[in-house]
Amino acid sequence: QVQLVESGGGLVQAGGSLRLSCAASGRTFDIYTMAWFRQAPGKEREFVASITKSGRSIYSADSAKGRFTISSDNAKNTVYLQMNSLKAEDTAVYYCAADDGLGVRVSQYDYWGQGTQVTVSS
């Protein structure tokens, strides 16, 4: 089993920045990809960005490109999401996910954190 714990969410004004962190523990050697998803009220959970353990493969949703950056620190088993130029439509619960494969679909990820709320005020 893999346990994921997110932190770093909060309330920020539009145009501001936040950095989310996700610390993995347990069978971390099983992890190939870590990712961030988000879910806004009344909407389905959607992919934001992912990074493989090697760091060689990074994927970002169109909504994140140019504003959000995913990175990782393998020594700490931690993945980060740096979010800049935040907009009101970025308001959502952000979830960290991990899997032994690679993908952008919710169904492809076996391990999930509890989520952290990001609220962007306009």
Protein backbone atom coordinates (compact mmCIF):
# COMPACT_ATOMS: atom_id res chain seq x y z
CA GLN A 1 0.00 0.00 0.00
CA VAL A 2 0.97 3.59 -0.62
CA GLN A 3 -0.17 6.48 1.52
CA LEU A 4 -0.34 10.02 0.13
CA VAL A 5 -0.67 13.19 2.17
CA GLU A 6 -1.22 16.56 0.51
CA SER A 7 -0.54 19.96 1.99
CA GLY A 8 -0.24 23.56 0.89
CA GLY A 9 -3.79 24.46 -0.09
CA GLY A 10 -5.48 27.62 1.05
CA LEU A 11 -7.13 30.88 0.06
CA VAL A 12 -5.35 33.13 -2.40
CA GLN A 13 -6.32 36.13 -4.51
CA ALA A 14 -6.53 35.86 -8.26
CA GLY A 15 -3.08 36.27 -9.79
CA GLY A 16 -1.40 34.81 -6.73
CA SER A 17 0.58 31.60 -6.26
CA LEU A 18 0.44 28.46 -4.16
CA ARG A 19 2.66 25.40 -3.92
CA LEU A 20 1.07 22.07 -3.13
CA SER A 21 3.06 19.18 -1.74
CA CYS A 22 2.30 15.47 -1.67
CA ALA A 23 4.36 13.13 0.49
CA ALA A 24 4.25 9.43 -0.28
CA SER A 25 4.98 6.65 2.20
CA GLY A 26 4.66 2.90 2.31
CA ARG A 27 5.49 0.86 -0.80
CA THR A 28 6.91 3.85 -2.66
CA PHE A 29 9.11 1.59 -4.76
CA ASP A 30 5.92 0.49 -6.53
CA ILE A 31 5.24 4.02 -7.77
CA TYR A 32 5.98 4.84 -11.39
CA THR A 33 3.89 7.98 -11.79
CA MET A 34 2.59 10.63 -9.43
CA ALA A 35 -0.07 13.07 -10.52
CA TRP A 36 -2.31 15.92 -9.49
CA PHE A 37 -6.02 15.97 -10.19
CA ARG A 38 -8.63 18.49 -9.14
CA GLN A 39 -12.36 18.50 -8.58
CA ALA A 40 -14.46 21.64 -8.54
CA PRO A 41 -17.94 21.66 -6.97
CA GLY A 42 -20.43 19.91 -9.20
CA LYS A 43 -17.77 18.81 -11.68
CA GLU A 44 -15.91 15.61 -12.37
CA ARG A 45 -12.39 15.07 -11.14
CA GLU A 46 -9.93 16.14 -13.83
CA PHE A 47 -6.28 15.59 -14.59
CA VAL A 48 -3.89 18.48 -13.94
CA ALA A 49 -0.35 17.16 -14.31
CA SER A 50 1.79 14.05 -13.84
CA ILE A 51 5.44 13.16 -13.52
CA THR A 52 7.22 9.83 -13.70
CA LYS A 53 9.62 8.77 -10.99
CA SER A 54 12.57 9.41 -13.28
CA GLY A 55 11.28 12.88 -14.00
CA ARG A 56 11.72 12.23 -17.72
CA SER A 57 8.03 12.27 -18.57
CA ILE A 58 5.85 15.18 -17.55
CA TYR A 59 2.32 15.72 -18.79
CA SER A 60 0.12 18.73 -18.15
CA ALA A 61 -3.47 19.52 -18.95
CA ASP A 62 -4.05 22.49 -21.25
CA SER A 63 -5.50 24.40 -18.31
CA ALA A 64 -2.20 24.02 -16.44
CA LYS A 65 0.31 24.69 -19.19
CA GLY A 66 2.25 27.88 -18.70
CA ARG A 67 0.95 28.41 -15.16
CA PHE A 68 1.42 25.17 -13.19
CA THR A 69 4.66 23.24 -12.79
CA ILE A 70 4.92 19.72 -11.42
CA SER A 71 8.19 18.54 -9.90
CA SER A 72 9.43 15.86 -7.57
CA ASP A 73 12.06 15.13 -4.96
CA ASN A 74 12.66 11.39 -4.98
CA ALA A 75 14.82 11.53 -1.86
CA LYS A 76 11.77 12.83 0.01
CA ASN A 77 9.21 10.80 -1.97
CA THR A 78 7.43 14.10 -2.52
CA VAL A 79 5.81 15.68 -5.55
CA TYR A 80 5.01 19.36 -5.83
CA LEU A 81 2.62 21.48 -7.85
CA GLN A 82 3.66 25.09 -8.20
CA MET A 83 0.64 27.11 -9.26
CA ASN A 84 1.11 30.66 -10.53
CA SER A 85 -1.26 33.23 -11.98
CA LEU A 86 -4.17 31.54 -10.26
CA LYS A 87 -7.68 32.19 -11.51
CA ALA A 88 -11.06 31.85 -9.84
CA GLU A 89 -11.74 28.82 -12.05
CA ASP A 90 -8.79 27.03 -10.45
CA THR A 91 -10.83 26.77 -7.24
CA ALA A 92 -11.15 23.07 -6.44
CA VAL A 93 -10.05 20.29 -4.17
CA TYR A 94 -6.67 19.14 -5.42
CA TYR A 95 -5.82 15.46 -5.10
CA CYS A 96 -2.49 13.71 -5.32
CA ALA A 97 -2.48 10.30 -6.97
CA ALA A 98 0.06 7.57 -7.57
CA ASP A 99 0.22 4.44 -9.68
CA ASP A 100 2.61 1.86 -11.05
CA GLY A 101 1.61 2.83 -14.58
CA LEU A 102 1.22 5.99 -16.62
CA GLY A 103 -1.97 7.80 -17.55
CA VAL A 104 -4.26 10.80 -17.27
CA ARG A 105 -7.51 9.10 -16.32
CA VAL A 106 -8.83 8.93 -12.77
CA SER A 107 -9.53 5.21 -13.17
CA GLN A 108 -5.88 4.49 -13.89
CA TYR A 109 -4.66 5.55 -10.46
CA ASP A 110 -4.78 3.17 -7.52
CA TYR A 111 -3.65 5.47 -4.71
CA TRP A 112 -5.15 8.79 -3.68
CA GLY A 113 -4.59 11.41 -1.02
CA GLN A 114 -7.38 13.01 0.97
CA GLY A 115 -7.27 16.24 -1.03
CA THR A 116 -6.45 19.84 -0.20
CA GLN A 117 -8.74 22.79 -0.85
CA VAL A 118 -7.56 25.61 -3.08
CA THR A 119 -9.78 28.68 -3.19
CA VAL A 120 -8.99 31.58 -5.49
CA SER A 121 -10.89 34.78 -4.82
CA SER A 122 -11.58 37.13 -7.69
